[in-house]
Amino acid sequence: MTRNNVTERVLKKAILHRKNALFTRTLNGAHVGDTFMSLIHTAELNHVAPFEYLVALQRHADAVAANPADWMPWNYQATLTPQQADPAPPD
């Protein structure tokens, strides 16, 4: 894959998000959309499944709030290991 193809793929995601953001009703909604776009794209760039990453962030929300740097896409799996990986979700 050439450098130009990589650049075009990155830009395509941003352009698609910008198009979809036209339909947000509030500034807060736009901020949430931007935050999720950033998290998902950063996870993809670090070869992490975005859905699994976001689920882990939700399941360990208190730990994420206490030490956000430990939960970046490139090192969150190492942080999960001592915490017994993913606990079963509540029924």
C-alpha atoms as a PDB file:
ATOM      1  CA  MET A   1       0.000   0.000   0.000  1.00  0.00           C
ATOM      2  CA  THR A   2       1.424   3.332  -0.969  1.00  0.00           C
ATOM      3  CA  ARG A   3       1.655   6.283   1.360  1.00  0.00           C
ATOM      4  CA  ASN A   4      -1.017   8.104  -0.639  1.00  0.00           C
ATOM      5  CA  ASN A   5      -3.536   5.269  -0.091  1.00  0.00           C
ATOM      6  CA  VAL A   6      -2.957   5.379   3.676  1.00  0.00           C
ATOM      7  CA  THR A   7      -3.449   9.144   3.692  1.00  0.00           C
ATOM      8  CA  GLU A   8      -6.631   8.854   1.633  1.00  0.00           C
ATOM      9  CA  ARG A   9      -8.071   6.253   4.028  1.00  0.00           C
ATOM     10  CA  VAL A  10      -7.379   8.472   7.038  1.00  0.00           C
ATOM     11  CA  LEU A  11      -8.962  11.479   5.354  1.00  0.00           C
ATOM     12  CA  LYS A  12     -11.966   9.444   4.232  1.00  0.00           C
ATOM     13  CA  LYS A  13     -12.837   8.651   7.864  1.00  0.00           C
ATOM     14  CA  ALA A  14     -12.593  12.305   8.875  1.00  0.00           C
ATOM     15  CA  ILE A  15     -14.694  13.434   5.919  1.00  0.00           C
ATOM     16  CA  LEU A  16     -17.370  10.823   6.633  1.00  0.00           C
ATOM     17  CA  HIS A  17     -17.483  11.907  10.283  1.00  0.00           C
ATOM     18  CA  ARG A  18     -17.762  15.569   9.256  1.00  0.00           C
ATOM     19  CA  LYS A  19     -20.672  14.715   6.946  1.00  0.00           C
ATOM     20  CA  ASN A  20     -22.464  12.768   9.692  1.00  0.00           C
ATOM     21  CA  ALA A  21     -21.776  15.505  12.261  1.00  0.00           C
ATOM     22  CA  LEU A  22     -23.993  17.886  10.305  1.00  0.00           C
ATOM     23  CA  PHE A  23     -26.961  16.162  11.931  1.00  0.00           C
ATOM     24  CA  THR A  24     -25.945  16.580  15.574  1.00  0.00           C
ATOM     25  CA  ARG A  25     -28.437  18.654  17.508  1.00  0.00           C
ATOM     26  CA  THR A  26     -26.202  20.027  20.252  1.00  0.00           C
ATOM     27  CA  LEU A  27     -22.576  20.957  20.809  1.00  0.00           C
ATOM     28  CA  ASN A  28     -22.398  18.243  23.464  1.00  0.00           C
ATOM     29  CA  GLY A  29     -23.612  15.670  20.946  1.00  0.00           C
ATOM     30  CA  ALA A  30     -20.947  16.813  18.503  1.00  0.00           C
ATOM     31  CA  HIS A  31     -18.297  16.549  21.226  1.00  0.00           C
ATOM     32  CA  VAL A  32     -19.372  12.981  22.052  1.00  0.00           C
ATOM     33  CA  GLY A  33     -19.240  12.033  18.367  1.00  0.00           C
ATOM     34  CA  ASP A  34     -15.777  13.550  18.001  1.00  0.00           C
ATOM     35  CA  THR A  35     -14.547  11.713  21.091  1.00  0.00           C
ATOM     36  CA  PHE A  36     -15.810   8.362  19.855  1.00  0.00           C
ATOM     37  CA  MET A  37     -14.374   8.940  16.385  1.00  0.00           C
ATOM     38  CA  SER A  38     -11.007   9.671  17.950  1.00  0.00           C
ATOM     39  CA  LEU A  39     -11.114   6.580  20.203  1.00  0.00           C
ATOM     40  CA  ILE A  40     -12.212   4.260  17.404  1.00  0.00           C
ATOM     41  CA  HIS A  41      -9.698   5.537  14.883  1.00  0.00           C
ATOM     42  CA  THR A  42      -6.835   5.459  17.396  1.00  0.00           C
ATOM     43  CA  ALA A  43      -7.753   1.868  18.282  1.00  0.00           C
ATOM     44  CA  GLU A  44      -7.747   0.887  14.605  1.00  0.00           C
ATOM     45  CA  LEU A  45      -4.359   2.519  14.037  1.00  0.00           C
ATOM     46  CA  ASN A  46      -2.988   0.479  16.955  1.00  0.00           C
ATOM     47  CA  HIS A  47      -4.441  -2.785  15.597  1.00  0.00           C
ATOM     48  CA  VAL A  48      -6.972  -3.075  18.426  1.00  0.00           C
ATOM     49  CA  ALA A  49     -10.594  -4.087  17.842  1.00  0.00           C
ATOM     50  CA  PRO A  50     -12.516  -0.853  18.547  1.00  0.00           C
ATOM     51  CA  PHE A  51     -15.626  -2.555  19.932  1.00  0.00           C
ATOM     52  CA  GLU A  52     -13.629  -4.693  22.375  1.00  0.00           C
ATOM     53  CA  TYR A  53     -11.627  -1.642  23.429  1.00  0.00           C
ATOM     54  CA  LEU A  54     -14.736   0.460  24.115  1.00  0.00           C
ATOM     55  CA  VAL A  55     -16.346  -2.412  26.047  1.00  0.00           C
ATOM     56  CA  ALA A  56     -13.222  -2.735  28.212  1.00  0.00           C
ATOM     57  CA  LEU A  57     -13.315   1.009  28.916  1.00  0.00           C
ATOM     58  CA  GLN A  58     -16.923   0.759  30.028  1.00  0.00           C
ATOM     59  CA  ARG A  59     -16.383  -2.315  32.199  1.00  0.00           C
ATOM     60  CA  HIS A  60     -13.470  -0.662  33.987  1.00  0.00           C
ATOM     61  CA  ALA A  61     -14.737   2.915  34.059  1.00  0.00           C
ATOM     62  CA  ASP A  62     -13.497   3.601  37.605  1.00  0.00           C
ATOM     63  CA  ALA A  63      -9.982   2.397  36.799  1.00  0.00           C
ATOM     64  CA  VAL A  64      -9.992   4.403  33.547  1.00  0.00           C
ATOM     65  CA  ALA A  65     -10.968   7.554  35.454  1.00  0.00           C
ATOM     66  CA  ALA A  66      -8.227   6.929  38.026  1.00  0.00           C
ATOM     67  CA  ASN A  67      -5.415   6.267  35.490  1.00  0.00           C
ATOM     68  CA  PRO A  68      -6.395   7.209  31.922  1.00  0.00           C
ATOM     69  CA  ALA A  69      -2.862   6.745  30.576  1.00  0.00           C
ATOM     70  CA  ASP A  70      -2.999   3.033  31.459  1.00  0.00           C
ATOM     71  CA  TRP A  71      -6.035   2.599  29.214  1.00  0.00           C
ATOM     72  CA  MET A  72      -4.757   3.938  25.909  1.00  0.00           C
ATOM     73  CA  PRO A  73      -5.326   1.539  22.981  1.00  0.00           C
ATOM     74  CA  TRP A  74      -1.640   0.624  22.754  1.00  0.00           C
ATOM     75  CA  ASN A  75      -1.350  -0.527  26.381  1.00  0.00           C
ATOM     76  CA  TYR A  76      -4.818  -1.281  27.773  1.00  0.00           C
ATOM     77  CA  GLN A  77      -4.432  -5.053  27.283  1.00  0.00           C
ATOM     78  CA  ALA A  78      -1.404  -5.073  29.569  1.00  0.00           C
ATOM     79  CA  THR A  79      -3.480  -3.171  32.133  1.00  0.00           C
ATOM     80  CA  LEU A  80      -6.309  -5.712  31.822  1.00  0.00           C
ATOM     81  CA  THR A  81      -4.118  -8.743  32.510  1.00  0.00           C
ATOM     82  CA  PRO A  82      -3.611  -8.109  36.243  1.00  0.00           C
ATOM     83  CA  GLN A  83      -7.296  -7.263  36.629  1.00  0.00           C
ATOM     84  CA  GLN A  84      -8.502 -10.731  35.615  1.00  0.00           C
ATOM     85  CA  ALA A  85      -9.223  -9.599  32.043  1.00  0.00           C
ATOM     86  CA  ASP A  86     -12.913  -8.858  31.489  1.00  0.00           C
ATOM     87  CA  PRO A  87     -15.308  -9.683  34.302  1.00  0.00           C
ATOM     88  CA  ALA A  88     -18.636 -11.126  33.269  1.00  0.00           C
ATOM     89  CA  PRO A  89     -21.224  -8.439  32.609  1.00  0.00           C
ATOM     90  CA  PRO A  90     -24.078  -8.215  35.107  1.00  0.00           C
ATOM     91  CA  ASP A  91     -27.258 -10.074  34.215  1.00  0.00           C
END
